[in-house]
Amino acid sequence: MSPSPDLSSAEFRKSRLSGGGNACVEVATNLPDVVAVRDSKDLSGPVLTFTPAQWRSFIGRVNTGAFDA
């Protein structure tokens, strides 16, 4: 198992399109070798981490509609 990445300097942000509410996903892309994702309703809760390549792949699939119902 890999050690947990150091997220102490993570700068989380949410989409400008979120409307400023607290029902959002926040993403930190300022860390080396990791993209961190959390729920804005639970700032001290769990954080998912991805490699930049995994994150790019996910976003690419979102943009092509791969997860649309």
N, C-alpha and C. Protein backbone atom coordinates (compact mmCIF):
# COMPACT_ATOMS: atom_id res chain seq x y z
N MET A 1 0.84 -1.18 0.00
CA MET A 1 0.00 0.00 0.00
C MET A 1 0.89 1.24 0.00
N SER A 2 0.56 2.22 -0.81
CA SER A 2 1.33 3.47 -0.90
C SER A 2 1.01 4.35 0.31
N PRO A 3 2.00 5.13 0.72
CA PRO A 3 1.71 6.09 1.80
C PRO A 3 0.74 7.17 1.30
N SER A 4 -0.04 7.71 2.22
CA SER A 4 -0.97 8.78 1.86
C SER A 4 -0.20 10.03 1.46
N PRO A 5 -0.64 10.70 0.40
CA PRO A 5 0.06 11.93 -0.01
C PRO A 5 -0.15 13.04 1.02
N ASP A 6 0.80 13.95 1.07
CA ASP A 6 0.71 15.11 1.95
C ASP A 6 -0.23 16.13 1.30
N LEU A 7 -1.38 16.34 1.91
CA LEU A 7 -2.37 17.25 1.36
C LEU A 7 -2.41 18.58 2.10
N SER A 8 -1.43 18.82 2.97
CA SER A 8 -1.45 20.03 3.80
C SER A 8 -1.39 21.32 2.98
N SER A 9 -0.83 21.29 1.80
CA SER A 9 -0.75 22.51 0.98
C SER A 9 -1.77 22.50 -0.18
N ALA A 10 -2.72 21.58 -0.11
CA ALA A 10 -3.74 21.50 -1.17
C ALA A 10 -4.58 22.77 -1.21
N GLU A 11 -4.76 23.30 -2.39
CA GLU A 11 -5.60 24.48 -2.61
C GLU A 11 -6.84 24.03 -3.35
N PHE A 12 -7.88 23.69 -2.59
CA PHE A 12 -9.11 23.19 -3.18
C PHE A 12 -9.91 24.32 -3.79
N ARG A 13 -10.55 24.02 -4.90
CA ARG A 13 -11.40 25.00 -5.57
C ARG A 13 -12.62 24.27 -6.11
N LYS A 14 -13.68 25.03 -6.33
CA LYS A 14 -14.86 24.45 -6.96
C LYS A 14 -15.19 25.26 -8.20
N SER A 15 -15.99 24.70 -9.04
CA SER A 15 -16.35 25.34 -10.29
C SER A 15 -17.04 26.68 -10.06
N ARG A 16 -16.75 27.62 -10.92
CA ARG A 16 -17.46 28.91 -10.88
C ARG A 16 -18.93 28.71 -11.20
N LEU A 17 -19.26 27.61 -11.85
CA LEU A 17 -20.64 27.32 -12.22
C LEU A 17 -21.43 26.69 -11.08
N SER A 18 -20.79 26.47 -9.95
CA SER A 18 -21.46 25.79 -8.83
C SER A 18 -22.47 26.67 -8.12
N GLY A 19 -22.44 27.95 -8.34
CA GLY A 19 -23.38 28.85 -7.72
C GLY A 19 -23.04 29.20 -6.28
N GLY A 20 -21.88 28.80 -5.81
CA GLY A 20 -21.44 29.17 -4.47
C GLY A 20 -22.04 28.37 -3.35
N GLY A 21 -22.84 27.36 -3.65
CA GLY A 21 -23.43 26.53 -2.60
C GLY A 21 -22.43 25.56 -2.00
N ASN A 22 -22.91 24.75 -1.08
CA ASN A 22 -22.03 23.77 -0.43
C ASN A 22 -22.35 22.35 -0.85
N ALA A 23 -22.92 22.15 -1.99
CA ALA A 23 -23.20 20.81 -2.50
C ALA A 23 -22.33 20.59 -3.73
N CYS A 24 -21.03 20.73 -3.54
CA CYS A 24 -20.11 20.71 -4.67
C CYS A 24 -18.97 19.73 -4.44
N VAL A 25 -18.29 19.46 -5.50
CA VAL A 25 -17.03 18.73 -5.44
C VAL A 25 -15.93 19.77 -5.56
N GLU A 26 -14.92 19.67 -4.71
CA GLU A 26 -13.77 20.57 -4.78
C GLU A 26 -12.55 19.78 -5.23
N VAL A 27 -11.72 20.41 -6.03
CA VAL A 27 -10.55 19.76 -6.60
C VAL A 27 -9.30 20.58 -6.31
N ALA A 28 -8.22 19.89 -5.95
CA ALA A 28 -6.92 20.54 -5.77
C ALA A 28 -5.97 19.96 -6.82
N THR A 29 -5.47 20.83 -7.69
CA THR A 29 -4.55 20.39 -8.75
C THR A 29 -3.17 21.00 -8.59
N ASN A 30 -2.92 21.62 -7.44
CA ASN A 30 -1.64 22.31 -7.24
C ASN A 30 -0.56 21.43 -6.61
N LEU A 31 -0.85 20.18 -6.36
CA LEU A 31 0.11 19.29 -5.71
C LEU A 31 0.90 18.49 -6.74
N PRO A 32 2.17 18.21 -6.46
CA PRO A 32 2.94 17.42 -7.41
C PRO A 32 2.47 15.97 -7.41
N ASP A 33 2.22 15.43 -8.57
CA ASP A 33 1.91 14.01 -8.77
C ASP A 33 0.58 13.54 -8.19
N VAL A 34 -0.30 14.45 -7.79
CA VAL A 34 -1.59 14.02 -7.24
C VAL A 34 -2.66 15.08 -7.49
N VAL A 35 -3.87 14.62 -7.77
CA VAL A 35 -5.06 15.48 -7.84
C VAL A 35 -5.96 15.01 -6.70
N ALA A 36 -6.38 15.93 -5.85
CA ALA A 36 -7.20 15.59 -4.69
C ALA A 36 -8.62 16.10 -4.90
N VAL A 37 -9.60 15.30 -4.48
CA VAL A 37 -11.01 15.63 -4.66
C VAL A 37 -11.74 15.41 -3.34
N ARG A 38 -12.59 16.38 -2.96
CA ARG A 38 -13.35 16.23 -1.72
C ARG A 38 -14.75 16.82 -1.90
N ASP A 39 -15.62 16.53 -0.93
CA ASP A 39 -16.98 17.02 -0.90
C ASP A 39 -17.00 18.33 -0.11
N SER A 40 -17.54 19.39 -0.67
CA SER A 40 -17.53 20.69 0.00
C SER A 40 -18.40 20.71 1.26
N LYS A 41 -19.30 19.75 1.42
CA LYS A 41 -20.12 19.69 2.63
C LYS A 41 -19.36 19.08 3.81
N ASP A 42 -18.23 18.42 3.54
CA ASP A 42 -17.49 17.73 4.60
C ASP A 42 -15.99 17.99 4.40
N LEU A 43 -15.57 19.21 4.71
CA LEU A 43 -14.18 19.63 4.45
C LEU A 43 -13.15 18.82 5.21
N SER A 44 -13.52 18.23 6.33
CA SER A 44 -12.56 17.42 7.08
C SER A 44 -12.77 15.93 6.81
N GLY A 45 -13.63 15.62 5.86
CA GLY A 45 -13.93 14.24 5.53
C GLY A 45 -12.89 13.63 4.60
N PRO A 46 -13.21 12.49 4.04
CA PRO A 46 -12.25 11.79 3.18
C PRO A 46 -11.94 12.56 1.90
N VAL A 47 -10.76 12.33 1.39
CA VAL A 47 -10.30 12.94 0.15
C VAL A 47 -9.89 11.81 -0.79
N LEU A 48 -10.40 11.84 -2.01
CA LEU A 48 -9.97 10.90 -3.03
C LEU A 48 -8.75 11.47 -3.73
N THR A 49 -7.80 10.63 -4.07
CA THR A 49 -6.62 11.10 -4.79
C THR A 49 -6.43 10.30 -6.06
N PHE A 50 -5.94 10.99 -7.08
CA PHE A 50 -5.71 10.41 -8.39
C PHE A 50 -4.39 10.90 -8.93
N THR A 51 -3.79 10.14 -9.82
CA THR A 51 -2.63 10.66 -10.53
C THR A 51 -3.16 11.67 -11.55
N PRO A 52 -2.33 12.59 -12.00
CA PRO A 52 -2.79 13.52 -13.03
C PRO A 52 -3.31 12.80 -14.28
N ALA A 53 -2.68 11.69 -14.67
CA ALA A 53 -3.13 10.95 -15.85
C ALA A 53 -4.51 10.35 -15.61
N GLN A 54 -4.76 9.81 -14.43
CA GLN A 54 -6.07 9.27 -14.11
C GLN A 54 -7.12 10.37 -14.14
N TRP A 55 -6.79 11.53 -13.59
CA TRP A 55 -7.73 12.65 -13.56
C TRP A 55 -8.05 13.13 -14.97
N ARG A 56 -7.03 13.28 -15.82
CA ARG A 56 -7.26 13.70 -17.22
C ARG A 56 -8.16 12.70 -17.94
N SER A 57 -7.94 11.41 -17.71
CA SER A 57 -8.76 10.38 -18.33
C SER A 57 -10.21 10.49 -17.87
N PHE A 58 -10.41 10.67 -16.58
CA PHE A 58 -11.76 10.82 -16.03
C PHE A 58 -12.46 12.04 -16.64
N ILE A 59 -11.80 13.19 -16.62
CA ILE A 59 -12.39 14.41 -17.16
C ILE A 59 -12.69 14.25 -18.65
N GLY A 60 -11.80 13.60 -19.37
CA GLY A 60 -12.04 13.35 -20.79
C GLY A 60 -13.29 12.53 -21.01
N ARG A 61 -13.50 11.52 -20.18
CA ARG A 61 -14.70 10.68 -20.30
C ARG A 61 -15.95 11.46 -19.90
N VAL A 62 -15.85 12.30 -18.90
CA VAL A 62 -16.99 13.16 -18.53
C VAL A 62 -17.36 14.04 -19.72
N ASN A 63 -16.36 14.65 -20.34
CA ASN A 63 -16.62 15.58 -21.45
C ASN A 63 -17.20 14.90 -22.69
N THR A 64 -16.97 13.60 -22.84
CA THR A 64 -17.53 12.88 -24.00
C THR A 64 -18.89 12.27 -23.67
N GLY A 65 -19.37 12.43 -22.43
CA GLY A 65 -20.67 11.90 -22.06
C GLY A 65 -20.67 10.45 -21.64
N ALA A 66 -19.51 9.89 -21.35
CA ALA A 66 -19.41 8.48 -21.01
C ALA A 66 -20.22 8.08 -19.79
N PHE A 67 -20.51 9.02 -18.90
CA PHE A 67 -21.23 8.70 -17.67
C PHE A 67 -22.67 9.21 -17.67
N ASP A 68 -23.11 9.75 -18.81
CA ASP A 68 -24.49 10.25 -18.89
C ASP A 68 -25.46 9.08 -18.80
N ALA A 69 -26.53 9.30 -18.10
CA ALA A 69 -27.54 8.24 -17.93
C ALA A 69 -28.40 8.10 -19.14
